[in-house]
Amino acid sequence: MPCSAGPSVSPMGLTMFYNSIMMTQLYRKYGLKYILLLAGVLLHFQFLYAQSDTLDFKTFDKDLTDMEEELVPIKTNYYMIVPQGIAGNIGVYLGEEVFLVDNQYSAVVPKIRRMLRTVSDKEVGMVMNTHYHYDHVDGNRAFGKEGIPIVAHESVELRLSSPQQLSPPWPLLQPAYPEWAWPTITFKDTLLLTDGKETIALHHFIAHTDGDVMVHFRKGDIWHTGDIFVTYGLPYIDEASGGDIYGMIQALDYLLERAGPETLIIPGHGPLCTIKEAITYRDMLVSIREQVAGFMKQGLNLEEINEKVTIPPGVEAMDKKAFINHVQKMIEKHEK
């Protein structure tokens, strides 16, 4: 059932899991298995980030090989690979060859391949990147080294080729990737791919970052949104990389205008969803933006606005104040 699987952890939303109330809620909903898994992953990354603000490929390769994954059927020839750890969802289409949307980490590529062999004897023929963040594209290091085509917006190539400072509340330095891990096919606005059976449309947005892509499998009526749409609570918007709540809302409007009652959505993090969850998410972002704009007109400062803005019950916030601060800055930018 859409939006009913176990939790998928956002790399930018780690701090929410230190909240003991939420841990209790997760225990009641999902059981001890997920809590122990999450705790182990979080302790590892807490140690990693305490030692250095720079992400470490060697640490990824050493410590992420045991990350649990689940291959979830969506429709005939369409799947998603859902991690039980700090990684993005992978979209899978079995056509003339295997097409992947995002690829998590190089360390888990062998595991991904073993899972794919249970449903197809074909090899991975193409990888698409939804944006440049490490938890979605580190697998480029493995697939790219084999010469497998990597498709992404042109901004992704620029950002993977040089160190990138991510925005608060998780201001990590993502190092430059080796050249073989860069995209080999880039585009500006929209790119159409086909294998004769399915048409895959890649649409660019400035939203979570300046190089976001939503991937639409037209025949399957399935969208992979990357981190434009997530289910872990308030989204992380990487302002340092061009992210903008206005673009997030615009991208969601684009999706919702084209989606129907049978449309299925693979979020960047979280279980398979429908248009219903995407509408709720979009309306939440619009509500927050409108609330902040109204309080700004009243002359309230950031602290006062943060106190007054309400978010829906049950929605977690890794850092509500940082999110509100971003919204305030984007309102000042767009509403001059």
C-alpha atoms as a PDB file:
ATOM      1  CA  MET A   1       0.000   0.000   0.000  1.00  0.00           C
ATOM      2  CA  PRO A   2       1.337   3.460  -0.860  1.00  0.00           C
ATOM      3  CA  CYS A   3       2.788   5.418   2.034  1.00  0.00           C
ATOM      4  CA  SER A   4       2.569   2.523   4.489  1.00  0.00           C
ATOM      5  CA  ALA A   5       6.062   1.011   4.469  1.00  0.00           C
ATOM      6  CA  GLY A   6       8.726   1.429   7.156  1.00  0.00           C
ATOM      7  CA  PRO A   7      10.592   4.693   7.578  1.00  0.00           C
ATOM      8  CA  SER A   8      13.294   5.892   5.198  1.00  0.00           C
ATOM      9  CA  VAL A   9      15.784   8.276   6.748  1.00  0.00           C
ATOM     10  CA  SER A  10      16.775  11.548   5.152  1.00  0.00           C
ATOM     11  CA  PRO A  11      20.467  12.377   5.390  1.00  0.00           C
ATOM     12  CA  MET A  12      19.463  15.941   6.163  1.00  0.00           C
ATOM     13  CA  GLY A  13      16.853  14.924   8.712  1.00  0.00           C
ATOM     14  CA  LEU A  14      19.024  12.967  11.120  1.00  0.00           C
ATOM     15  CA  THR A  15      18.456  15.202  14.095  1.00  0.00           C
ATOM     16  CA  MET A  16      14.733  14.507  14.191  1.00  0.00           C
ATOM     17  CA  PHE A  17      15.468  10.957  15.290  1.00  0.00           C
ATOM     18  CA  TYR A  18      17.170  12.119  18.454  1.00  0.00           C
ATOM     19  CA  ASN A  19      13.789  13.257  19.666  1.00  0.00           C
ATOM     20  CA  SER A  20      12.755  10.628  22.222  1.00  0.00           C
ATOM     21  CA  ILE A  21       9.067  11.203  21.576  1.00  0.00           C
ATOM     22  CA  MET A  22       9.465  10.390  17.918  1.00  0.00           C
ATOM     23  CA  MET A  23      11.539   7.317  18.727  1.00  0.00           C
ATOM     24  CA  THR A  24       8.677   6.111  20.901  1.00  0.00           C
ATOM     25  CA  GLN A  25       6.219   6.736  18.077  1.00  0.00           C
ATOM     26  CA  LEU A  26       8.416   4.832  15.627  1.00  0.00           C
ATOM     27  CA  TYR A  27       8.699   1.941  18.029  1.00  0.00           C
ATOM     28  CA  ARG A  28       4.939   1.709  18.421  1.00  0.00           C
ATOM     29  CA  LYS A  29       4.360   1.951  14.667  1.00  0.00           C
ATOM     30  CA  TYR A  30       7.209  -0.117  13.208  1.00  0.00           C
ATOM     31  CA  GLY A  31       8.664  -2.170  16.051  1.00  0.00           C
ATOM     32  CA  LEU A  32      12.110  -2.707  17.528  1.00  0.00           C
ATOM     33  CA  LYS A  33      13.703  -3.843  14.235  1.00  0.00           C
ATOM     34  CA  TYR A  34      13.603  -0.384  12.663  1.00  0.00           C
ATOM     35  CA  ILE A  35      14.600   1.417  15.849  1.00  0.00           C
ATOM     36  CA  LEU A  36      17.754  -0.667  16.277  1.00  0.00           C
ATOM     37  CA  LEU A  37      18.661  -0.215  12.624  1.00  0.00           C
ATOM     38  CA  LEU A  38      18.121   3.528  12.719  1.00  0.00           C
ATOM     39  CA  ALA A  39      20.032   3.891  15.956  1.00  0.00           C
ATOM     40  CA  GLY A  40      23.070   2.111  14.550  1.00  0.00           C
ATOM     41  CA  VAL A  41      23.114   4.166  11.365  1.00  0.00           C
ATOM     42  CA  LEU A  42      22.624   7.424  13.226  1.00  0.00           C
ATOM     43  CA  LEU A  43      25.386   6.715  15.727  1.00  0.00           C
ATOM     44  CA  HIS A  44      27.766   6.001  12.865  1.00  0.00           C
ATOM     45  CA  PHE A  45      26.969   9.228  11.046  1.00  0.00           C
ATOM     46  CA  GLN A  46      26.991  11.258  14.255  1.00  0.00           C
ATOM     47  CA  PHE A  47      30.544   9.999  14.819  1.00  0.00           C
ATOM     48  CA  LEU A  48      31.516  10.684  11.211  1.00  0.00           C
ATOM     49  CA  TYR A  49      30.257  14.260  11.274  1.00  0.00           C
ATOM     50  CA  ALA A  50      31.748  14.918  14.711  1.00  0.00           C
ATOM     51  CA  GLN A  51      35.159  14.003  13.315  1.00  0.00           C
ATOM     52  CA  SER A  52      34.922  16.046  10.155  1.00  0.00           C
ATOM     53  CA  ASP A  53      32.539  18.341   8.315  1.00  0.00           C
ATOM     54  CA  THR A  54      33.688  16.775   5.042  1.00  0.00           C
ATOM     55  CA  LEU A  55      32.039  13.623   3.752  1.00  0.00           C
ATOM     56  CA  ASP A  56      34.420  10.715   3.302  1.00  0.00           C
ATOM     57  CA  PHE A  57      34.103   8.298   0.346  1.00  0.00           C
ATOM     58  CA  LYS A  58      36.318   5.752   2.113  1.00  0.00           C
ATOM     59  CA  THR A  59      33.981   5.708   5.096  1.00  0.00           C
ATOM     60  CA  PHE A  60      31.013   5.171   2.780  1.00  0.00           C
ATOM     61  CA  ASP A  61      32.781   2.256   1.073  1.00  0.00           C
ATOM     62  CA  LYS A  62      33.735   0.652   4.379  1.00  0.00           C
ATOM     63  CA  ASP A  63      30.649   1.119   6.500  1.00  0.00           C
ATOM     64  CA  LEU A  64      27.613   1.140   4.195  1.00  0.00           C
ATOM     65  CA  THR A  65      27.877  -2.293   2.604  1.00  0.00           C
ATOM     66  CA  ASP A  66      25.474  -3.787   5.174  1.00  0.00           C
ATOM     67  CA  MET A  67      22.697  -1.251   4.697  1.00  0.00           C
ATOM     68  CA  GLU A  68      19.420  -3.122   4.331  1.00  0.00           C
ATOM     69  CA  GLU A  69      17.403  -2.683   1.136  1.00  0.00           C
ATOM     70  CA  GLU A  70      13.987  -3.811  -0.043  1.00  0.00           C
ATOM     71  CA  LEU A  71      12.958  -4.297  -3.670  1.00  0.00           C
ATOM     72  CA  VAL A  72       9.324  -3.169  -3.781  1.00  0.00           C
ATOM     73  CA  PRO A  73       7.153  -4.069  -6.811  1.00  0.00           C
ATOM     74  CA  ILE A  74       5.064  -1.184  -8.157  1.00  0.00           C
ATOM     75  CA  LYS A  75       3.695  -2.515 -11.449  1.00  0.00           C
ATOM     76  CA  THR A  76       4.894  -5.051 -13.996  1.00  0.00           C
ATOM     77  CA  ASN A  77       8.456  -3.988 -14.928  1.00  0.00           C
ATOM     78  CA  TYR A  78       8.501  -1.136 -12.399  1.00  0.00           C
ATOM     79  CA  TYR A  79      10.067  -1.308  -8.933  1.00  0.00           C
ATOM     80  CA  MET A  80      11.582   0.857  -6.250  1.00  0.00           C
ATOM     81  CA  ILE A  81      14.501   0.015  -4.002  1.00  0.00           C
ATOM     82  CA  VAL A  82      13.811   1.350  -0.519  1.00  0.00           C
ATOM     83  CA  PRO A  83      16.750   1.666   1.899  1.00  0.00           C
ATOM     84  CA  GLN A  84      16.478   1.199   5.636  1.00  0.00           C
ATOM     85  CA  GLY A  85      19.162   3.780   6.207  1.00  0.00           C
ATOM     86  CA  ILE A  86      20.463   7.146   5.052  1.00  0.00           C
ATOM     87  CA  ALA A  87      19.916   6.999   1.306  1.00  0.00           C
ATOM     88  CA  GLY A  88      17.444   7.999  -1.369  1.00  0.00           C
ATOM     89  CA  ASN A  89      14.953   5.719  -3.066  1.00  0.00           C
ATOM     90  CA  ILE A  90      15.949   4.108  -6.355  1.00  0.00           C
ATOM     91  CA  GLY A  91      13.425   3.884  -9.175  1.00  0.00           C
ATOM     92  CA  VAL A  92      13.712   0.843 -11.454  1.00  0.00           C
ATOM     93  CA  TYR A  93      12.280   0.271 -14.938  1.00  0.00           C
ATOM     94  CA  LEU A  94      12.874  -3.025 -16.723  1.00  0.00           C
ATOM     95  CA  GLY A  95      12.815  -2.289 -20.435  1.00  0.00           C
ATOM     96  CA  GLU A  96      15.203  -3.305 -23.192  1.00  0.00           C
ATOM     97  CA  GLU A  97      17.748  -2.789 -20.462  1.00  0.00           C
ATOM     98  CA  VAL A  98      17.510  -1.763 -16.813  1.00  0.00           C
ATOM     99  CA  PHE A  99      16.991   1.934 -16.153  1.00  0.00           C
ATOM    100  CA  LEU A 100      17.708   3.342 -12.695  1.00  0.00           C
ATOM    101  CA  VAL A 101      16.678   6.640 -11.165  1.00  0.00           C
ATOM    102  CA  ASP A 102      19.308   7.484  -8.526  1.00  0.00           C
ATOM    103  CA  ASN A 103      21.719   4.905  -7.144  1.00  0.00           C
ATOM    104  CA  GLN A 104      22.466   5.561  -3.450  1.00  0.00           C
ATOM    105  CA  TYR A 105      26.078   4.563  -2.665  1.00  0.00           C
ATOM    106  CA  SER A 106      28.863   2.853  -4.550  1.00  0.00           C
ATOM    107  CA  ALA A 107      29.225   0.437  -1.635  1.00  0.00           C
ATOM    108  CA  VAL A 108      25.706  -0.958  -2.120  1.00  0.00           C
ATOM    109  CA  VAL A 109      25.835  -1.309  -5.921  1.00  0.00           C
ATOM    110  CA  PRO A 110      26.719  -5.032  -5.715  1.00  0.00           C
ATOM    111  CA  LYS A 111      23.697  -5.559  -3.462  1.00  0.00           C
ATOM    112  CA  ILE A 112      21.508  -3.559  -5.847  1.00  0.00           C
ATOM    113  CA  ARG A 113      22.646  -5.729  -8.730  1.00  0.00           C
ATOM    114  CA  ARG A 114      21.864  -8.925  -6.815  1.00  0.00           C
ATOM    115  CA  MET A 115      18.374  -7.650  -6.121  1.00  0.00           C
ATOM    116  CA  LEU A 116      17.835  -6.717  -9.754  1.00  0.00           C
ATOM    117  CA  ARG A 117      18.879 -10.199 -10.901  1.00  0.00           C
ATOM    118  CA  THR A 118      15.928 -11.639  -9.006  1.00  0.00           C
ATOM    119  CA  VAL A 119      13.567  -9.873 -11.428  1.00  0.00           C
ATOM    120  CA  SER A 120      15.592  -9.511 -14.647  1.00  0.00           C
ATOM    121  CA  ASP A 121      18.556 -11.030 -16.463  1.00  0.00           C
ATOM    122  CA  LYS A 122      19.298  -7.698 -18.163  1.00  0.00           C
ATOM    123  CA  GLU A 123      22.102  -5.379 -17.141  1.00  0.00           C
ATOM    124  CA  VAL A 124      21.874  -1.784 -15.998  1.00  0.00           C
ATOM    125  CA  GLY A 125      22.028   0.300 -19.158  1.00  0.00           C
ATOM    126  CA  MET A 126      21.395   3.806 -17.869  1.00  0.00           C
ATOM    127  CA  VAL A 127      21.340   5.758 -14.616  1.00  0.00           C
ATOM    128  CA  MET A 128      19.436   9.016 -14.092  1.00  0.00           C
ATOM    129  CA  ASN A 129      20.311  11.446 -11.273  1.00  0.00           C
ATOM    130  CA  THR A 130      17.535  13.510  -9.658  1.00  0.00           C
ATOM    131  CA  HIS A 131      20.085  15.961  -8.151  1.00  0.00           C
ATOM    132  CA  TYR A 132      23.674  16.004  -6.928  1.00  0.00           C
ATOM    133  CA  HIS A 133      23.441  15.097  -3.219  1.00  0.00           C
ATOM    134  CA  TYR A 134      25.649  12.201  -2.202  1.00  0.00           C
ATOM    135  CA  ASP A 135      22.921   9.972  -0.779  1.00  0.00           C
ATOM    136  CA  HIS A 136      21.318   9.813  -4.233  1.00  0.00           C
ATOM    137  CA  VAL A 137      24.278   9.729  -6.624  1.00  0.00           C
ATOM    138  CA  ASP A 138      27.314   8.247  -4.867  1.00  0.00           C
ATOM    139  CA  GLY A 139      26.631   5.071  -6.866  1.00  0.00           C
ATOM    140  CA  ASN A 140      27.813   7.037  -9.906  1.00  0.00           C
ATOM    141  CA  ARG A 141      31.322   6.114  -8.774  1.00  0.00           C
ATOM    142  CA  ALA A 142      30.574   2.444  -9.493  1.00  0.00           C
ATOM    143  CA  PHE A 143      28.306   2.705 -12.533  1.00  0.00           C
ATOM    144  CA  GLY A 144      30.316   5.489 -14.154  1.00  0.00           C
ATOM    145  CA  LYS A 145      33.555   3.550 -13.820  1.00  0.00           C
ATOM    146  CA  GLU A 146      31.951   0.819 -15.932  1.00  0.00           C
ATOM    147  CA  GLY A 147      31.053   3.296 -18.650  1.00  0.00           C
ATOM    148  CA  ILE A 148      27.303   3.167 -18.002  1.00  0.00           C
ATOM    149  CA  PRO A 149      25.631   6.386 -19.222  1.00  0.00           C
ATOM    150  CA  ILE A 150      24.625   8.802 -16.446  1.00  0.00           C
ATOM    151  CA  VAL A 151      21.909  11.357 -17.231  1.00  0.00           C
ATOM    152  CA  ALA A 152      21.382  14.531 -15.203  1.00  0.00           C
ATOM    153  CA  HIS A 153      20.710  18.238 -15.419  1.00  0.00           C
ATOM    154  CA  GLU A 154      23.786  20.225 -16.442  1.00  0.00           C
ATOM    155  CA  SER A 155      24.030  21.751 -12.950  1.00  0.00           C
ATOM    156  CA  VAL A 156      24.711  18.301 -11.486  1.00  0.00           C
ATOM    157  CA  GLU A 157      27.890  17.976 -13.537  1.00  0.00           C
ATOM    158  CA  LEU A 158      29.100  21.361 -12.303  1.00  0.00           C
ATOM    159  CA  ARG A 159      28.405  20.508  -8.673  1.00  0.00           C
ATOM    160  CA  LEU A 160      29.864  16.997  -8.751  1.00  0.00           C
ATOM    161  CA  SER A 161      33.059  18.298 -10.322  1.00  0.00           C
ATOM    162  CA  SER A 162      33.922  20.596  -7.396  1.00  0.00           C
ATOM    163  CA  PRO A 163      33.473  20.621  -3.580  1.00  0.00           C
ATOM    164  CA  GLN A 164      30.016  21.743  -2.476  1.00  0.00           C
ATOM    165  CA  GLN A 165      29.038  23.245   0.864  1.00  0.00           C
ATOM    166  CA  LEU A 166      25.551  22.136   1.831  1.00  0.00           C
ATOM    167  CA  SER A 167      23.191  24.450   3.690  1.00  0.00           C
ATOM    168  CA  PRO A 168      22.280  24.404   7.386  1.00  0.00           C
ATOM    169  CA  PRO A 169      20.958  22.709   9.421  1.00  0.00           C
ATOM    170  CA  TRP A 170      23.363  20.085   8.062  1.00  0.00           C
ATOM    171  CA  PRO A 171      26.243  22.134   6.604  1.00  0.00           C
ATOM    172  CA  LEU A 172      28.456  19.359   5.275  1.00  0.00           C
ATOM    173  CA  LEU A 173      31.140  19.701   2.648  1.00  0.00           C
ATOM    174  CA  GLN A 174      30.553  17.262  -0.190  1.00  0.00           C
ATOM    175  CA  PRO A 175      33.904  16.696  -1.921  1.00  0.00           C
ATOM    176  CA  ALA A 176      34.388  16.718  -5.676  1.00  0.00           C
ATOM    177  CA  TYR A 177      33.664  13.405  -7.356  1.00  0.00           C
ATOM    178  CA  PRO A 178      36.081  11.724  -9.772  1.00  0.00           C
ATOM    179  CA  GLU A 179      35.446  12.548 -13.421  1.00  0.00           C
ATOM    180  CA  TRP A 180      34.092   9.097 -14.241  1.00  0.00           C
ATOM    181  CA  ALA A 181      31.259   9.726 -11.751  1.00  0.00           C
ATOM    182  CA  TRP A 182      30.068  12.874 -13.527  1.00  0.00           C
ATOM    183  CA  PRO A 183      27.020  12.775 -15.814  1.00  0.00           C
ATOM    184  CA  THR A 184      27.794  11.827 -19.410  1.00  0.00           C
ATOM    185  CA  ILE A 185      24.480  13.121 -20.807  1.00  0.00           C
ATOM    186  CA  THR A 186      23.215  16.495 -19.600  1.00  0.00           C
ATOM    187  CA  PHE A 187      20.309  18.750 -20.548  1.00  0.00           C
ATOM    188  CA  LYS A 188      18.827  22.140 -19.647  1.00  0.00           C
ATOM    189  CA  ASP A 189      15.042  21.933 -19.464  1.00  0.00           C
ATOM    190  CA  THR A 190      13.436  18.668 -20.595  1.00  0.00           C
ATOM    191  CA  LEU A 191      14.828  15.441 -22.003  1.00  0.00           C
ATOM    192  CA  LEU A 192      12.840  12.591 -23.550  1.00  0.00           C
ATOM    193  CA  LEU A 193      14.200   9.044 -23.624  1.00  0.00           C
ATOM    194  CA  THR A 194      12.574   5.936 -25.100  1.00  0.00           C
ATOM    195  CA  ASP A 195      13.339   2.255 -25.495  1.00  0.00           C
ATOM    196  CA  GLY A 196      10.448   1.710 -27.885  1.00  0.00           C
ATOM    197  CA  LYS A 197       8.090   0.604 -25.117  1.00  0.00           C
ATOM    198  CA  GLU A 198       8.284   3.371 -22.539  1.00  0.00           C
ATOM    199  CA  THR A 199       8.860   7.105 -22.840  1.00  0.00           C
ATOM    200  CA  ILE A 200      10.827   8.588 -19.963  1.00  0.00           C
ATOM    201  CA  ALA A 201      10.507  12.349 -19.506  1.00  0.00           C
ATOM    202  CA  LEU A 202      13.024  14.229 -17.365  1.00  0.00           C
ATOM    203  CA  HIS A 203      11.890  17.685 -16.230  1.00  0.00           C
ATOM    204  CA  HIS A 204      14.215  20.222 -14.619  1.00  0.00           C
ATOM    205  CA  PHE A 205      13.275  22.443 -11.667  1.00  0.00           C
ATOM    206  CA  ILE A 206      15.051  24.804  -9.299  1.00  0.00           C
ATOM    207  CA  ALA A 207      13.549  23.469  -6.098  1.00  0.00           C
ATOM    208  CA  HIS A 208      15.421  21.340  -3.548  1.00  0.00           C
ATOM    209  CA  THR A 209      18.605  22.387  -5.414  1.00  0.00           C
ATOM    210  CA  ASP A 210      19.204  24.209  -8.697  1.00  0.00           C
ATOM    211  CA  GLY A 211      19.598  20.924 -10.580  1.00  0.00           C
ATOM    212  CA  ASP A 212      16.526  18.938  -9.583  1.00  0.00           C
ATOM    213  CA  VAL A 213      14.908  16.533 -12.029  1.00  0.00           C
ATOM    214  CA  MET A 214      11.572  14.778 -11.773  1.00  0.00           C
ATOM    215  CA  VAL A 215      11.465  11.613 -13.867  1.00  0.00           C
ATOM    216  CA  HIS A 216       8.143  10.583 -15.409  1.00  0.00           C
ATOM    217  CA  PHE A 217       7.584   7.095 -16.787  1.00  0.00           C
ATOM    218  CA  ARG A 218       4.681   8.037 -19.031  1.00  0.00           C
ATOM    219  CA  LYS A 219       3.306   4.594 -19.893  1.00  0.00           C
ATOM    220  CA  GLY A 220       3.629   3.385 -16.318  1.00  0.00           C
ATOM    221  CA  ASP A 221       2.213   6.682 -14.962  1.00  0.00           C
ATOM    222  CA  ILE A 222       4.943   6.724 -12.311  1.00  0.00           C
ATOM    223  CA  TRP A 223       6.966   9.731 -11.179  1.00  0.00           C
ATOM    224  CA  HIS A 224      10.237   9.785  -9.274  1.00  0.00           C
ATOM    225  CA  THR A 225      10.464  13.207  -7.650  1.00  0.00           C
ATOM    226  CA  GLY A 226      13.865  13.105  -6.004  1.00  0.00           C
ATOM    227  CA  ASP A 227      13.874  15.288  -2.901  1.00  0.00           C
ATOM    228  CA  ILE A 228      11.295  17.703  -4.283  1.00  0.00           C
ATOM    229  CA  PHE A 229       8.805  15.444  -2.492  1.00  0.00           C
ATOM    230  CA  VAL A 230       9.692  13.510   0.668  1.00  0.00           C
ATOM    231  CA  THR A 231       7.676  11.932   3.464  1.00  0.00           C
ATOM    232  CA  TYR A 232       9.897  12.494   6.519  1.00  0.00           C
ATOM    233  CA  GLY A 233       8.401  15.869   7.473  1.00  0.00           C
ATOM    234  CA  LEU A 234       9.461  19.412   6.587  1.00  0.00           C
ATOM    235  CA  PRO A 235      11.807  19.089   3.611  1.00  0.00           C
ATOM    236  CA  TYR A 236      15.457  20.039   3.532  1.00  0.00           C
ATOM    237  CA  ILE A 237      15.939  22.827   0.980  1.00  0.00           C
ATOM    238  CA  ASP A 238      19.583  23.328   0.047  1.00  0.00           C
ATOM    239  CA  GLU A 239      19.630  27.085  -0.306  1.00  0.00           C
ATOM    240  CA  ALA A 240      23.404  27.165  -0.839  1.00  0.00           C
ATOM    241  CA  SER A 241      22.822  25.038  -3.947  1.00  0.00           C
ATOM    242  CA  GLY A 242      20.051  27.233  -5.291  1.00  0.00           C
ATOM    243  CA  GLY A 243      17.170  25.557  -3.463  1.00  0.00           C
ATOM    244  CA  ASP A 244      14.001  27.623  -3.108  1.00  0.00           C
ATOM    245  CA  ILE A 245      10.596  26.904  -1.531  1.00  0.00           C
ATOM    246  CA  TYR A 246       8.937  28.795  -4.393  1.00  0.00           C
ATOM    247  CA  GLY A 247      10.507  26.344  -6.811  1.00  0.00           C
ATOM    248  CA  MET A 248       9.455  23.417  -4.634  1.00  0.00           C
ATOM    249  CA  ILE A 249       5.825  24.529  -4.831  1.00  0.00           C
ATOM    250  CA  GLN A 250       6.088  25.255  -8.554  1.00  0.00           C
ATOM    251  CA  ALA A 251       7.502  21.782  -9.227  1.00  0.00           C
ATOM    252  CA  LEU A 252       4.767  20.128  -7.181  1.00  0.00           C
ATOM    253  CA  ASP A 253       2.120  22.140  -9.035  1.00  0.00           C
ATOM    254  CA  TYR A 254       3.618  20.905 -12.322  1.00  0.00           C
ATOM    255  CA  LEU A 255       3.377  17.306 -11.117  1.00  0.00           C
ATOM    256  CA  LEU A 256      -0.142  17.630  -9.727  1.00  0.00           C
ATOM    257  CA  GLU A 257      -1.445  19.264 -12.914  1.00  0.00           C
ATOM    258  CA  ARG A 258      -0.345  16.163 -14.841  1.00  0.00           C
ATOM    259  CA  ALA A 259      -1.095  13.451 -12.322  1.00  0.00           C
ATOM    260  CA  GLY A 260      -4.315  11.499 -12.032  1.00  0.00           C
ATOM    261  CA  PRO A 261      -6.017   9.160  -9.581  1.00  0.00           C
ATOM    262  CA  GLU A 262      -3.902   6.212 -10.767  1.00  0.00           C
ATOM    263  CA  THR A 263      -0.568   8.056 -10.692  1.00  0.00           C
ATOM    264  CA  LEU A 264       2.056   6.616  -8.363  1.00  0.00           C
ATOM    265  CA  ILE A 265       4.900   8.659  -6.924  1.00  0.00           C
ATOM    266  CA  ILE A 266       8.326   7.541  -5.725  1.00  0.00           C
ATOM    267  CA  PRO A 267       9.482  10.209  -3.255  1.00  0.00           C
ATOM    268  CA  GLY A 268      13.132  10.987  -2.651  1.00  0.00           C
ATOM    269  CA  HIS A 269      12.774   9.431   0.791  1.00  0.00           C
ATOM    270  CA  GLY A 270       9.867   7.389   2.072  1.00  0.00           C
ATOM    271  CA  PRO A 271       7.381   4.798   0.840  1.00  0.00           C
ATOM    272  CA  LEU A 272       5.473   4.758  -2.445  1.00  0.00           C
ATOM    273  CA  CYS A 273       2.795   7.466  -2.530  1.00  0.00           C
ATOM    274  CA  THR A 274      -0.227   8.649  -4.469  1.00  0.00           C
ATOM    275  CA  ILE A 275      -1.438  12.047  -5.563  1.00  0.00           C
ATOM    276  CA  LYS A 276      -3.245  12.387  -2.239  1.00  0.00           C
ATOM    277  CA  GLU A 277      -0.017  12.555  -0.217  1.00  0.00           C
ATOM    278  CA  ALA A 278       1.585  14.911  -2.741  1.00  0.00           C
ATOM    279  CA  ILE A 279      -1.367  17.306  -2.488  1.00  0.00           C
ATOM    280  CA  THR A 280      -1.158  17.302   1.321  1.00  0.00           C
ATOM    281  CA  TYR A 281       2.590  17.975   1.155  1.00  0.00           C
ATOM    282  CA  ARG A 282       2.207  20.787  -1.375  1.00  0.00           C
ATOM    283  CA  ASP A 283      -0.580  22.420   0.641  1.00  0.00           C
ATOM    284  CA  MET A 284       1.614  22.288   3.755  1.00  0.00           C
ATOM    285  CA  LEU A 285       4.400  24.186   1.991  1.00  0.00           C
ATOM    286  CA  VAL A 286       1.971  26.789   0.654  1.00  0.00           C
ATOM    287  CA  SER A 287       0.426  27.232   4.106  1.00  0.00           C
ATOM    288  CA  ILE A 288       3.811  27.777   5.747  1.00  0.00           C
ATOM    289  CA  ARG A 289       4.853  30.284   3.090  1.00  0.00           C
ATOM    290  CA  GLU A 290       1.578  32.200   3.487  1.00  0.00           C
ATOM    291  CA  GLN A 291       1.847  32.195   7.269  1.00  0.00           C
ATOM    292  CA  VAL A 292       5.406  33.513   7.194  1.00  0.00           C
ATOM    293  CA  ALA A 293       4.491  36.217   4.666  1.00  0.00           C
ATOM    294  CA  GLY A 294       1.591  37.351   6.839  1.00  0.00           C
ATOM    295  CA  PHE A 295       3.691  37.545   9.994  1.00  0.00           C
ATOM    296  CA  MET A 296       6.412  39.427   8.111  1.00  0.00           C
ATOM    297  CA  LYS A 297       3.852  42.047   7.095  1.00  0.00           C
ATOM    298  CA  GLN A 298       3.015  42.424  10.792  1.00  0.00           C
ATOM    299  CA  GLY A 299       6.670  43.253  11.467  1.00  0.00           C
ATOM    300  CA  LEU A 300       7.467  40.126  13.480  1.00  0.00           C
ATOM    301  CA  ASN A 301      11.082  38.950  13.708  1.00  0.00           C
ATOM    302  CA  LEU A 302      12.329  35.424  13.007  1.00  0.00           C
ATOM    303  CA  GLU A 303      11.986  34.236  16.600  1.00  0.00           C
ATOM    304  CA  GLU A 304       8.403  35.479  16.799  1.00  0.00           C
ATOM    305  CA  ILE A 305       7.488  34.038  13.406  1.00  0.00           C
ATOM    306  CA  ASN A 306       8.955  30.671  14.341  1.00  0.00           C
ATOM    307  CA  GLU A 307       6.808  30.613  17.463  1.00  0.00           C
ATOM    308  CA  LYS A 308       3.618  31.485  15.616  1.00  0.00           C
ATOM    309  CA  VAL A 309       3.879  29.365  12.454  1.00  0.00           C
ATOM    310  CA  THR A 310       1.933  26.119  12.800  1.00  0.00           C
ATOM    311  CA  ILE A 311       2.623  22.888  10.954  1.00  0.00           C
ATOM    312  CA  PRO A 312       0.213  19.956  10.603  1.00  0.00           C
ATOM    313  CA  PRO A 313      -0.004  17.511  13.526  1.00  0.00           C
ATOM    314  CA  GLY A 314       2.391  14.619  13.188  1.00  0.00           C
ATOM    315  CA  VAL A 315       4.748  16.435  10.797  1.00  0.00           C
ATOM    316  CA  GLU A 316       8.298  16.319  12.112  1.00  0.00           C
ATOM    317  CA  ALA A 317      10.772  19.155  11.722  1.00  0.00           C
ATOM    318  CA  MET A 318      14.509  18.569  11.807  1.00  0.00           C
ATOM    319  CA  ASP A 319      14.978  22.296  12.399  1.00  0.00           C
ATOM    320  CA  LYS A 320      11.800  24.333  12.114  1.00  0.00           C
ATOM    321  CA  LYS A 321      13.590  27.625  12.733  1.00  0.00           C
ATOM    322  CA  ALA A 322      16.099  26.999   9.910  1.00  0.00           C
ATOM    323  CA  PHE A 323      13.228  26.109   7.578  1.00  0.00           C
ATOM    324  CA  ILE A 324      11.262  29.241   8.534  1.00  0.00           C
ATOM    325  CA  ASN A 325      14.411  31.320   8.058  1.00  0.00           C
ATOM    326  CA  HIS A 326      14.761  29.967   4.516  1.00  0.00           C
ATOM    327  CA  VAL A 327      11.112  30.726   3.756  1.00  0.00           C
ATOM    328  CA  GLN A 328      11.537  34.274   5.082  1.00  0.00           C
ATOM    329  CA  LYS A 329      14.589  34.886   2.879  1.00  0.00           C
ATOM    330  CA  MET A 330      12.841  33.517  -0.197  1.00  0.00           C
ATOM    331  CA  ILE A 331       9.814  35.730   0.420  1.00  0.00           C
ATOM    332  CA  GLU A 332      12.127  38.743   0.623  1.00  0.00           C
ATOM    333  CA  LYS A 333      13.735  37.616  -2.641  1.00  0.00           C
ATOM    334  CA  HIS A 334      10.558  36.992  -4.609  1.00  0.00           C
ATOM    335  CA  GLU A 335       8.157  39.583  -3.199  1.00  0.00           C
ATOM    336  CA  LYS A 336      10.254  42.708  -3.651  1.00  0.00           C
END
